[in-house]
């Protein structure tokens, strides 16, 4: 039971940090390179589509369990501590969740590029 409550707290803090990173990507106090990382991580985490679909065994959950948390940690380390604290507080107060349209567009563009590359490669073989 204790493990379950810790997992719930961790998940809630991840959700808050994703919103905080979304806010950081728009904050003028955040360096440009941190904005890029924060925006990319937030867009991917908020996207309704995964880069690796969940129905693929093991790999499907890899992004949810490893890649997203590591991206969050990297982005948080790039943002000044005081600014990140303020953004976390603001994210905790927000009721609405930001849109993941940017992440959706990014993921769809990656999949489209993969399909085009595969089609061109198969065409050369034929």
N, C-alpha and C. Protein backbone atom coordinates (compact mmCIF):
# COMPACT_ATOMS: atom_id res chain seq x y z
N UNK A 1 0.83 -1.20 0.00
CA UNK A 1 0.00 0.00 0.00
C UNK A 1 0.87 1.26 0.00
N UNK A 2 1.95 1.20 0.72
CA UNK A 2 2.84 2.35 0.79
C UNK A 2 3.45 2.66 -0.57
N UNK A 3 3.81 1.61 -1.30
CA UNK A 3 4.39 1.77 -2.63
C UNK A 3 3.39 2.43 -3.58
N UNK A 4 2.14 2.04 -3.47
CA UNK A 4 1.10 2.62 -4.33
C UNK A 4 0.94 4.11 -4.05
N UNK A 5 0.95 4.51 -2.80
CA UNK A 5 0.79 5.93 -2.48
C UNK A 5 2.00 6.73 -2.95
N UNK A 6 3.20 6.14 -2.86
CA UNK A 6 4.40 6.82 -3.37
C UNK A 6 4.33 6.98 -4.89
N UNK A 7 3.84 5.95 -5.56
CA UNK A 7 3.70 6.01 -7.02
C UNK A 7 2.69 7.08 -7.43
N UNK A 8 1.61 7.20 -6.69
CA UNK A 8 0.60 8.23 -6.99
C UNK A 8 1.18 9.63 -6.80
N UNK A 9 1.94 9.82 -5.73
CA UNK A 9 2.58 11.12 -5.49
C UNK A 9 3.57 11.44 -6.60
N UNK A 10 4.35 10.44 -7.01
CA UNK A 10 5.32 10.63 -8.08
C UNK A 10 4.63 10.98 -9.39
N UNK A 11 3.55 10.29 -9.70
CA UNK A 11 2.80 10.56 -10.94
C UNK A 11 2.22 11.97 -10.92
N UNK A 12 1.70 12.37 -9.77
CA UNK A 12 1.13 13.72 -9.65
C UNK A 12 2.21 14.78 -9.83
N UNK A 13 3.40 14.54 -9.28
CA UNK A 13 4.49 15.51 -9.43
C UNK A 13 4.97 15.55 -10.88
N UNK A 14 4.95 14.41 -11.58
CA UNK A 14 5.32 14.40 -13.00
C UNK A 14 4.34 15.23 -13.82
N UNK A 15 3.05 15.07 -13.55
CA UNK A 15 2.04 15.85 -14.27
C UNK A 15 2.24 17.35 -14.01
N UNK A 16 2.51 17.71 -12.75
CA UNK A 16 2.74 19.11 -12.42
C UNK A 16 3.98 19.63 -13.14
N UNK A 17 5.06 18.83 -13.15
CA UNK A 17 6.30 19.26 -13.79
C UNK A 17 6.14 19.40 -15.30
N UNK A 18 5.33 18.56 -15.92
CA UNK A 18 5.08 18.69 -17.36
C UNK A 18 4.42 20.03 -17.66
N UNK A 19 3.44 20.40 -16.86
CA UNK A 19 2.77 21.70 -17.04
C UNK A 19 3.77 22.82 -16.76
N UNK A 20 4.61 22.65 -15.74
CA UNK A 20 5.62 23.66 -15.42
C UNK A 20 6.61 23.83 -16.58
N UNK A 21 6.97 22.72 -17.23
CA UNK A 21 7.87 22.82 -18.39
C UNK A 21 7.18 23.49 -19.56
N UNK A 22 5.90 23.24 -19.72
CA UNK A 22 5.14 23.92 -20.77
C UNK A 22 5.15 25.43 -20.52
N UNK A 23 5.01 25.82 -19.26
CA UNK A 23 5.08 27.24 -18.90
C UNK A 23 6.50 27.78 -19.09
N UNK A 24 7.50 26.96 -18.76
CA UNK A 24 8.90 27.38 -18.89
C UNK A 24 9.27 27.68 -20.33
N UNK A 25 8.70 26.93 -21.25
CA UNK A 25 9.00 27.14 -22.67
C UNK A 25 8.53 28.51 -23.15
N UNK A 26 7.67 29.16 -22.38
CA UNK A 26 7.13 30.47 -22.75
C UNK A 26 7.63 31.59 -21.83
N UNK A 27 8.46 31.25 -20.86
CA UNK A 27 8.91 32.22 -19.85
C UNK A 27 10.19 32.92 -20.33
N UNK A 28 10.22 34.23 -20.21
CA UNK A 28 11.37 35.01 -20.68
C UNK A 28 12.61 34.84 -19.79
N UNK A 29 12.45 34.36 -18.58
CA UNK A 29 13.58 34.17 -17.66
C UNK A 29 14.34 32.87 -17.92
N UNK A 30 13.81 32.04 -18.77
CA UNK A 30 14.41 30.73 -19.06
C UNK A 30 15.33 30.86 -20.28
N UNK A 31 16.57 30.35 -20.20
CA UNK A 31 17.48 30.40 -21.36
C UNK A 31 16.89 29.68 -22.57
N UNK A 32 17.29 30.09 -23.76
CA UNK A 32 16.70 29.56 -24.99
C UNK A 32 16.87 28.04 -25.11
N UNK A 33 18.05 27.52 -24.73
CA UNK A 33 18.29 26.08 -24.86
C UNK A 33 17.40 25.29 -23.89
N UNK A 34 17.14 25.86 -22.71
CA UNK A 34 16.23 25.21 -21.76
C UNK A 34 14.80 25.27 -22.27
N UNK A 35 14.45 26.37 -22.96
CA UNK A 35 13.11 26.49 -23.55
C UNK A 35 12.89 25.41 -24.60
N UNK A 36 13.90 25.16 -25.41
CA UNK A 36 13.79 24.15 -26.46
C UNK A 36 13.57 22.77 -25.85
N UNK A 37 14.38 22.43 -24.86
CA UNK A 37 14.25 21.12 -24.21
C UNK A 37 12.91 21.02 -23.48
N UNK A 38 12.56 22.05 -22.71
CA UNK A 38 11.30 22.04 -21.95
C UNK A 38 10.10 21.95 -22.88
N UNK A 39 10.12 22.72 -23.95
CA UNK A 39 9.01 22.69 -24.91
C UNK A 39 8.87 21.35 -25.60
N UNK A 40 10.00 20.76 -25.98
CA UNK A 40 9.98 19.46 -26.64
C UNK A 40 9.45 18.37 -25.70
N UNK A 41 9.95 18.36 -24.47
CA UNK A 41 9.52 17.35 -23.50
C UNK A 41 8.03 17.52 -23.18
N UNK A 42 7.61 18.76 -22.95
CA UNK A 42 6.20 19.02 -22.62
C UNK A 42 5.30 18.65 -23.79
N UNK A 43 5.69 19.03 -25.00
CA UNK A 43 4.86 18.72 -26.17
C UNK A 43 4.73 17.21 -26.36
N UNK A 44 5.83 16.50 -26.18
CA UNK A 44 5.78 15.04 -26.33
C UNK A 44 4.95 14.40 -25.24
N UNK A 45 5.14 14.85 -24.00
CA UNK A 45 4.40 14.26 -22.87
C UNK A 45 2.90 14.56 -22.96
N UNK A 46 2.54 15.72 -23.49
CA UNK A 46 1.14 16.11 -23.59
C UNK A 46 0.47 15.58 -24.87
N UNK A 47 1.27 15.08 -25.79
CA UNK A 47 0.74 14.59 -27.06
C UNK A 47 -0.12 13.35 -26.84
N UNK A 48 -1.24 13.26 -27.54
CA UNK A 48 -2.08 12.07 -27.41
C UNK A 48 -1.51 10.86 -28.16
N UNK A 49 -0.45 11.06 -28.94
CA UNK A 49 0.15 9.99 -29.73
C UNK A 49 1.59 9.78 -29.26
N UNK A 50 1.99 8.53 -29.08
CA UNK A 50 3.36 8.21 -28.68
C UNK A 50 4.22 7.97 -29.91
N UNK A 51 5.50 8.24 -29.77
CA UNK A 51 6.44 7.94 -30.84
C UNK A 51 6.52 6.43 -31.05
N UNK A 52 6.55 5.69 -29.94
CA UNK A 52 6.53 4.23 -29.99
C UNK A 52 5.17 3.81 -29.43
N UNK A 53 4.27 3.29 -30.25
CA UNK A 53 2.93 2.92 -29.78
C UNK A 53 2.98 1.91 -28.63
N UNK A 54 2.07 2.04 -27.68
CA UNK A 54 2.06 1.20 -26.49
C UNK A 54 1.78 -0.27 -26.78
N UNK A 55 1.20 -0.59 -27.92
CA UNK A 55 0.90 -1.99 -28.21
C UNK A 55 2.15 -2.79 -28.60
N UNK A 56 3.28 -2.12 -28.83
CA UNK A 56 4.54 -2.83 -29.12
C UNK A 56 5.11 -3.30 -27.79
N UNK A 57 5.29 -4.60 -27.60
CA UNK A 57 5.75 -5.12 -26.32
C UNK A 57 7.06 -4.48 -25.85
N UNK A 58 7.14 -4.16 -24.62
CA UNK A 58 8.28 -3.57 -23.91
C UNK A 58 8.62 -2.17 -24.42
N UNK A 59 8.93 -2.04 -25.70
CA UNK A 59 9.32 -0.74 -26.25
C UNK A 59 8.20 0.29 -26.16
N UNK A 60 6.97 -0.17 -26.24
CA UNK A 60 5.82 0.73 -26.20
C UNK A 60 5.72 1.52 -24.91
N UNK A 61 6.16 0.91 -23.83
CA UNK A 61 6.11 1.60 -22.53
C UNK A 61 7.43 2.24 -22.16
N UNK A 62 8.46 2.01 -22.97
CA UNK A 62 9.77 2.57 -22.69
C UNK A 62 9.74 4.08 -22.63
N UNK A 63 9.04 4.72 -23.57
CA UNK A 63 8.99 6.18 -23.57
C UNK A 63 8.26 6.71 -22.34
N UNK A 64 7.20 6.03 -21.93
CA UNK A 64 6.44 6.50 -20.77
C UNK A 64 7.20 6.30 -19.46
N UNK A 65 7.97 5.24 -19.38
CA UNK A 65 8.64 4.91 -18.12
C UNK A 65 10.07 5.42 -18.01
N UNK A 66 10.72 5.66 -19.15
CA UNK A 66 12.13 6.05 -19.11
C UNK A 66 12.38 7.39 -19.82
N UNK A 67 11.99 7.48 -21.07
CA UNK A 67 12.34 8.65 -21.88
C UNK A 67 11.70 9.93 -21.35
N UNK A 68 10.41 9.91 -21.07
CA UNK A 68 9.74 11.13 -20.58
C UNK A 68 10.30 11.58 -19.23
N UNK A 69 10.43 10.70 -18.22
CA UNK A 69 11.01 11.15 -16.95
C UNK A 69 12.44 11.67 -17.09
N UNK A 70 13.26 11.02 -17.93
CA UNK A 70 14.62 11.52 -18.13
C UNK A 70 14.62 12.88 -18.82
N UNK A 71 13.72 13.06 -19.77
CA UNK A 71 13.60 14.37 -20.43
C UNK A 71 13.17 15.45 -19.45
N UNK A 72 12.26 15.10 -18.56
CA UNK A 72 11.81 16.05 -17.54
C UNK A 72 12.98 16.43 -16.64
N UNK A 73 13.75 15.43 -16.19
CA UNK A 73 14.90 15.71 -15.32
C UNK A 73 15.92 16.61 -16.01
N UNK A 74 16.20 16.33 -17.29
CA UNK A 74 17.15 17.16 -18.03
C UNK A 74 16.65 18.60 -18.14
N UNK A 75 15.40 18.76 -18.51
CA UNK A 75 14.84 20.11 -18.67
C UNK A 75 14.85 20.87 -17.35
N UNK A 76 14.51 20.20 -16.27
CA UNK A 76 14.48 20.86 -14.95
C UNK A 76 15.88 21.32 -14.56
N UNK A 77 16.89 20.53 -14.87
CA UNK A 77 18.27 20.91 -14.54
C UNK A 77 18.75 22.13 -15.33
N UNK A 78 18.16 22.35 -16.49
CA UNK A 78 18.57 23.49 -17.32
C UNK A 78 17.89 24.80 -16.93
N UNK A 79 16.81 24.71 -16.17
CA UNK A 79 16.03 25.89 -15.77
C UNK A 79 16.52 26.37 -14.41
N UNK A 80 16.71 27.69 -14.24
CA UNK A 80 17.13 28.21 -12.93
C UNK A 80 16.18 27.74 -11.82
N UNK A 81 16.75 27.38 -10.67
CA UNK A 81 15.99 26.78 -9.57
C UNK A 81 14.83 27.67 -9.11
N UNK A 82 15.08 28.96 -8.94
CA UNK A 82 14.03 29.87 -8.46
C UNK A 82 12.89 29.96 -9.46
N UNK A 83 13.22 30.01 -10.73
CA UNK A 83 12.20 30.09 -11.77
C UNK A 83 11.38 28.80 -11.80
N UNK A 84 12.06 27.65 -11.70
CA UNK A 84 11.35 26.38 -11.72
C UNK A 84 10.42 26.26 -10.53
N UNK A 85 10.83 26.75 -9.37
CA UNK A 85 9.95 26.71 -8.18
C UNK A 85 8.68 27.52 -8.42
N UNK A 86 8.83 28.71 -8.99
CA UNK A 86 7.67 29.55 -9.30
C UNK A 86 6.75 28.87 -10.32
N UNK A 87 7.36 28.28 -11.33
CA UNK A 87 6.56 27.62 -12.37
C UNK A 87 5.83 26.39 -11.83
N UNK A 88 6.46 25.68 -10.91
CA UNK A 88 5.79 24.53 -10.28
C UNK A 88 4.58 24.99 -9.47
N UNK A 89 4.74 26.08 -8.75
CA UNK A 89 3.61 26.61 -7.97
C UNK A 89 2.47 27.02 -8.89
N UNK A 90 2.82 27.71 -9.98
CA UNK A 90 1.79 28.12 -10.94
C UNK A 90 1.12 26.90 -11.59
N UNK A 91 1.91 25.89 -11.92
CA UNK A 91 1.37 24.67 -12.53
C UNK A 91 0.43 23.95 -11.57
N UNK A 92 0.76 23.95 -10.28
CA UNK A 92 -0.09 23.29 -9.28
C UNK A 92 -1.43 24.02 -9.14
N UNK A 93 -1.43 25.34 -9.35
CA UNK A 93 -2.68 26.12 -9.25
C UNK A 93 -3.56 25.98 -10.49
N UNK A 94 -2.97 25.64 -11.62
CA UNK A 94 -3.74 25.54 -12.87
C UNK A 94 -4.71 24.38 -12.83
N UNK A 95 -5.89 24.62 -13.31
CA UNK A 95 -6.91 23.57 -13.38
C UNK A 95 -6.88 22.93 -14.76
N UNK A 96 -6.76 23.74 -15.80
CA UNK A 96 -6.78 23.22 -17.16
C UNK A 96 -5.41 22.69 -17.56
N UNK A 97 -5.42 21.66 -18.35
CA UNK A 97 -4.20 21.07 -18.86
C UNK A 97 -3.90 21.68 -20.22
N UNK A 98 -2.63 22.01 -20.49
CA UNK A 98 -2.30 22.59 -21.80
C UNK A 98 -2.54 21.59 -22.93
N UNK A 99 -2.67 22.12 -24.12
CA UNK A 99 -2.93 21.30 -25.31
C UNK A 99 -1.65 20.62 -25.77
N UNK A 100 -1.79 19.41 -26.29
CA UNK A 100 -0.64 18.67 -26.80
C UNK A 100 -0.59 18.66 -28.32
N UNK A 101 -1.18 19.66 -28.96
CA UNK A 101 -1.21 19.69 -30.43
C UNK A 101 0.17 19.75 -31.05
N UNK A 102 1.07 20.51 -30.42
CA UNK A 102 2.44 20.60 -30.95
C UNK A 102 3.13 19.26 -30.95
N UNK A 103 2.97 18.53 -29.86
CA UNK A 103 3.55 17.19 -29.77
C UNK A 103 2.93 16.24 -30.78
N UNK A 104 1.62 16.34 -30.95
CA UNK A 104 0.92 15.50 -31.92
C UNK A 104 1.47 15.75 -33.32
N UNK A 105 1.61 17.00 -33.68
CA UNK A 105 2.14 17.36 -35.01
C UNK A 105 3.56 16.83 -35.17
N UNK A 106 4.39 16.96 -34.13
CA UNK A 106 5.77 16.47 -34.18
C UNK A 106 5.81 14.96 -34.39
N UNK A 107 5.03 14.23 -33.61
CA UNK A 107 5.02 12.76 -33.71
C UNK A 107 4.52 12.32 -35.09
N UNK A 108 3.46 12.95 -35.56
CA UNK A 108 2.94 12.61 -36.89
C UNK A 108 3.96 12.92 -37.98
N UNK A 109 4.71 14.01 -37.83
CA UNK A 109 5.74 14.35 -38.81
C UNK A 109 6.86 13.31 -38.80
N UNK A 110 7.24 12.83 -37.62
CA UNK A 110 8.28 11.79 -37.54
C UNK A 110 7.79 10.51 -38.21
N UNK A 111 6.57 10.10 -37.92
CA UNK A 111 6.01 8.90 -38.55
C UNK A 111 5.92 9.07 -40.07
N UNK A 112 5.49 10.23 -40.53
CA UNK A 112 5.39 10.49 -41.97
C UNK A 112 6.77 10.40 -42.63
N UNK A 113 7.78 10.98 -41.98
CA UNK A 113 9.14 10.92 -42.50
C UNK A 113 9.63 9.47 -42.58
N UNK A 114 9.32 8.67 -41.57
CA UNK A 114 9.70 7.25 -41.57
C UNK A 114 9.02 6.49 -42.70
N UNK A 115 7.76 6.77 -42.93
CA UNK A 115 7.01 6.11 -44.00
C UNK A 115 7.58 6.49 -45.37
N UNK A 116 7.88 7.77 -45.55
CA UNK A 116 8.45 8.22 -46.81
C UNK A 116 9.82 7.58 -47.03
N UNK A 117 10.64 7.55 -45.99
CA UNK A 117 11.97 6.94 -46.09
C UNK A 117 11.85 5.46 -46.45
N UNK A 118 10.95 4.76 -45.80
CA UNK A 118 10.74 3.34 -46.07
C UNK A 118 10.26 3.12 -47.51
N UNK A 119 9.33 3.96 -47.95
CA UNK A 119 8.81 3.83 -49.32
C UNK A 119 9.92 4.06 -50.34
N UNK A 120 10.78 5.06 -50.11
CA UNK A 120 11.87 5.33 -51.02
C UNK A 120 12.88 4.19 -51.02
N UNK A 121 13.14 3.63 -49.84
CA UNK A 121 14.09 2.51 -49.74
C UNK A 121 13.55 1.28 -50.46
N UNK A 122 12.27 1.01 -50.30
CA UNK A 122 11.66 -0.14 -50.98
C UNK A 122 11.60 0.07 -52.47
N UNK A 123 11.44 1.31 -52.89
CA UNK A 123 11.39 1.62 -54.32
C UNK A 123 12.75 1.37 -54.98
N UNK A 124 13.84 1.68 -54.25
CA UNK A 124 15.17 1.46 -54.78
C UNK A 124 15.46 -0.03 -54.91
N UNK A 125 14.93 -0.83 -53.99
CA UNK A 125 15.15 -2.28 -54.04
C UNK A 125 14.40 -2.93 -55.19
N UNK A 126 13.28 -2.34 -55.58
CA UNK A 126 12.46 -2.96 -56.63
C UNK A 126 12.98 -2.75 -58.01
